[in-house]
């Protein structure tokens, strides 16, 4: 058998890892009694690319149900969006919180 026909088992394992889809995470807005509806809508538009109607719908779900999913992303993107919204909330003196949860 020549060297060119021998498969390296570690290469096969690496190929399996490379073809695996990344885990997905949902960014969730949590309700509070102080953050304005306008601010929540603005954060959904600015950081999640929601148009006016979609942002309004998600904001109302947060208000009525206590939380709502703003979007689903890879880990790094979800983490960045959570950080940016929470940072803006703090700067604007709102207690708004975002969290990220792994999609099962």
C-alpha atoms as a PDB file:
ATOM      1  CA  UNK A   1       0.000   0.000   0.000  1.00  0.00           C
ATOM      2  CA  UNK A   2       1.386   3.423  -0.900  1.00  0.00           C
ATOM      3  CA  UNK A   3       1.456   6.413   1.433  1.00  0.00           C
ATOM      4  CA  UNK A   4      -1.116   8.258  -0.686  1.00  0.00           C
ATOM      5  CA  UNK A   5      -3.842   5.666   0.040  1.00  0.00           C
ATOM      6  CA  UNK A   6      -3.409   5.667   3.819  1.00  0.00           C
ATOM      7  CA  UNK A   7      -6.009   7.823   5.563  1.00  0.00           C
ATOM      8  CA  UNK A   8      -4.884   9.783   8.574  1.00  0.00           C
ATOM      9  CA  UNK A   9      -7.622   9.209  11.228  1.00  0.00           C
ATOM     10  CA  UNK A  10      -7.036  12.639  12.719  1.00  0.00           C
ATOM     11  CA  UNK A  11      -7.746  14.219   9.335  1.00  0.00           C
ATOM     12  CA  UNK A  12     -11.076  12.385   9.159  1.00  0.00           C
ATOM     13  CA  UNK A  13     -11.992  13.686  12.631  1.00  0.00           C
ATOM     14  CA  UNK A  14     -11.036  17.234  11.645  1.00  0.00           C
ATOM     15  CA  UNK A  15     -13.253  17.035   8.555  1.00  0.00           C
ATOM     16  CA  UNK A  16     -16.197  16.011  10.744  1.00  0.00           C
ATOM     17  CA  UNK A  17     -15.598  18.998  13.022  1.00  0.00           C
ATOM     18  CA  UNK A  18     -15.296  21.421  10.126  1.00  0.00           C
ATOM     19  CA  UNK A  19     -18.613  20.304   8.644  1.00  0.00           C
ATOM     20  CA  UNK A  20     -20.505  20.644  11.915  1.00  0.00           C
ATOM     21  CA  UNK A  21     -22.863  23.621  12.085  1.00  0.00           C
ATOM     22  CA  UNK A  22     -22.170  26.073  14.909  1.00  0.00           C
ATOM     23  CA  UNK A  23     -24.485  26.107  17.901  1.00  0.00           C
ATOM     24  CA  UNK A  24     -27.193  28.727  17.771  1.00  0.00           C
ATOM     25  CA  UNK A  25     -28.173  31.115  20.557  1.00  0.00           C
ATOM     26  CA  UNK A  26     -31.308  33.183  20.977  1.00  0.00           C
ATOM     27  CA  UNK A  27     -31.123  36.707  22.322  1.00  0.00           C
ATOM     28  CA  UNK A  28     -33.979  37.294  24.749  1.00  0.00           C
ATOM     29  CA  UNK A  29     -35.272  40.667  25.940  1.00  0.00           C
ATOM     30  CA  UNK A  30     -36.584  40.596  29.519  1.00  0.00           C
ATOM     31  CA  UNK A  31     -39.381  42.823  30.752  1.00  0.00           C
ATOM     32  CA  UNK A  32     -39.046  45.351  33.545  1.00  0.00           C
ATOM     33  CA  UNK A  33     -41.338  48.067  34.876  1.00  0.00           C
ATOM     34  CA  UNK A  34     -39.143  51.045  33.997  1.00  0.00           C
ATOM     35  CA  UNK A  35     -37.648  50.776  30.493  1.00  0.00           C
ATOM     36  CA  UNK A  36     -39.726  52.697  27.977  1.00  0.00           C
ATOM     37  CA  UNK A  37     -41.404  50.866  25.115  1.00  0.00           C
ATOM     38  CA  UNK A  38     -39.773  53.311  22.719  1.00  0.00           C
ATOM     39  CA  UNK A  39     -36.293  52.394  23.981  1.00  0.00           C
ATOM     40  CA  UNK A  40     -36.958  48.657  23.598  1.00  0.00           C
ATOM     41  CA  UNK A  41     -38.277  49.218  20.072  1.00  0.00           C
ATOM     42  CA  UNK A  42     -35.216  51.320  19.231  1.00  0.00           C
ATOM     43  CA  UNK A  43     -32.827  48.614  20.524  1.00  0.00           C
ATOM     44  CA  UNK A  44     -34.618  45.970  18.442  1.00  0.00           C
ATOM     45  CA  UNK A  45     -34.293  48.135  15.341  1.00  0.00           C
ATOM     46  CA  UNK A  46     -30.716  49.250  15.936  1.00  0.00           C
ATOM     47  CA  UNK A  47     -29.107  45.998  17.051  1.00  0.00           C
ATOM     48  CA  UNK A  48     -31.368  43.328  15.606  1.00  0.00           C
ATOM     49  CA  UNK A  49     -32.326  44.962  12.313  1.00  0.00           C
ATOM     50  CA  UNK A  50     -36.055  44.771  12.985  1.00  0.00           C
ATOM     51  CA  UNK A  51     -38.283  47.084  10.987  1.00  0.00           C
ATOM     52  CA  UNK A  52     -40.845  49.224  12.806  1.00  0.00           C
ATOM     53  CA  UNK A  53     -43.651  46.683  12.726  1.00  0.00           C
ATOM     54  CA  UNK A  54     -41.488  43.705  13.743  1.00  0.00           C
ATOM     55  CA  UNK A  55     -39.800  45.689  16.529  1.00  0.00           C
ATOM     56  CA  UNK A  56     -43.203  46.823  17.808  1.00  0.00           C
ATOM     57  CA  UNK A  57     -44.529  43.256  17.816  1.00  0.00           C
ATOM     58  CA  UNK A  58     -41.529  41.893  19.752  1.00  0.00           C
ATOM     59  CA  UNK A  59     -41.653  44.820  22.193  1.00  0.00           C
ATOM     60  CA  UNK A  60     -45.323  44.077  22.918  1.00  0.00           C
ATOM     61  CA  UNK A  61     -44.507  40.407  23.494  1.00  0.00           C
ATOM     62  CA  UNK A  62     -41.843  41.445  26.010  1.00  0.00           C
ATOM     63  CA  UNK A  63     -44.361  43.737  27.702  1.00  0.00           C
ATOM     64  CA  UNK A  64     -47.221  41.220  27.795  1.00  0.00           C
ATOM     65  CA  UNK A  65     -45.391  37.902  28.307  1.00  0.00           C
ATOM     66  CA  UNK A  66     -42.329  39.045  30.242  1.00  0.00           C
ATOM     67  CA  UNK A  67     -39.804  38.127  27.574  1.00  0.00           C
ATOM     68  CA  UNK A  68     -39.371  37.664  23.845  1.00  0.00           C
ATOM     69  CA  UNK A  69     -36.777  36.405  21.402  1.00  0.00           C
ATOM     70  CA  UNK A  70     -35.135  39.169  19.397  1.00  0.00           C
ATOM     71  CA  UNK A  71     -33.114  36.878  17.132  1.00  0.00           C
ATOM     72  CA  UNK A  72     -31.061  33.712  16.785  1.00  0.00           C
ATOM     73  CA  UNK A  73     -27.337  33.908  16.102  1.00  0.00           C
ATOM     74  CA  UNK A  74     -24.017  32.138  16.527  1.00  0.00           C
ATOM     75  CA  UNK A  75     -22.434  32.458  19.980  1.00  0.00           C
ATOM     76  CA  UNK A  76     -20.143  35.389  19.219  1.00  0.00           C
ATOM     77  CA  UNK A  77     -22.796  37.440  17.464  1.00  0.00           C
ATOM     78  CA  UNK A  78     -25.408  36.792  20.172  1.00  0.00           C
ATOM     79  CA  UNK A  79     -22.885  37.679  22.870  1.00  0.00           C
ATOM     80  CA  UNK A  80     -22.030  40.943  21.119  1.00  0.00           C
ATOM     81  CA  UNK A  81     -25.673  41.939  20.661  1.00  0.00           C
ATOM     82  CA  UNK A  82     -26.456  41.194  24.322  1.00  0.00           C
ATOM     83  CA  UNK A  83     -23.461  43.258  25.419  1.00  0.00           C
ATOM     84  CA  UNK A  84     -24.340  46.224  23.184  1.00  0.00           C
ATOM     85  CA  UNK A  85     -28.002  46.400  24.208  1.00  0.00           C
ATOM     86  CA  UNK A  86     -27.191  46.002  27.917  1.00  0.00           C
ATOM     87  CA  UNK A  87     -24.504  48.684  27.587  1.00  0.00           C
ATOM     88  CA  UNK A  88     -26.904  51.110  25.883  1.00  0.00           C
ATOM     89  CA  UNK A  89     -29.538  50.428  28.543  1.00  0.00           C
ATOM     90  CA  UNK A  90     -27.026  51.252  31.271  1.00  0.00           C
ATOM     91  CA  UNK A  91     -25.872  54.426  29.486  1.00  0.00           C
ATOM     92  CA  UNK A  92     -29.509  55.523  29.154  1.00  0.00           C
ATOM     93  CA  UNK A  93     -30.227  54.573  32.781  1.00  0.00           C
ATOM     94  CA  UNK A  94     -32.725  51.838  31.972  1.00  0.00           C
ATOM     95  CA  UNK A  95     -32.746  48.446  33.744  1.00  0.00           C
ATOM     96  CA  UNK A  96     -33.429  46.605  30.475  1.00  0.00           C
ATOM     97  CA  UNK A  97     -31.676  43.232  30.326  1.00  0.00           C
ATOM     98  CA  UNK A  98     -30.888  40.911  27.451  1.00  0.00           C
ATOM     99  CA  UNK A  99     -29.714  37.357  27.874  1.00  0.00           C
ATOM    100  CA  UNK A 100     -28.650  34.646  25.486  1.00  0.00           C
ATOM    101  CA  UNK A 101     -29.799  31.034  25.609  1.00  0.00           C
ATOM    102  CA  UNK A 102     -28.577  28.092  23.594  1.00  0.00           C
ATOM    103  CA  UNK A 103     -31.198  26.912  21.115  1.00  0.00           C
ATOM    104  CA  UNK A 104     -31.969  23.253  21.800  1.00  0.00           C
END
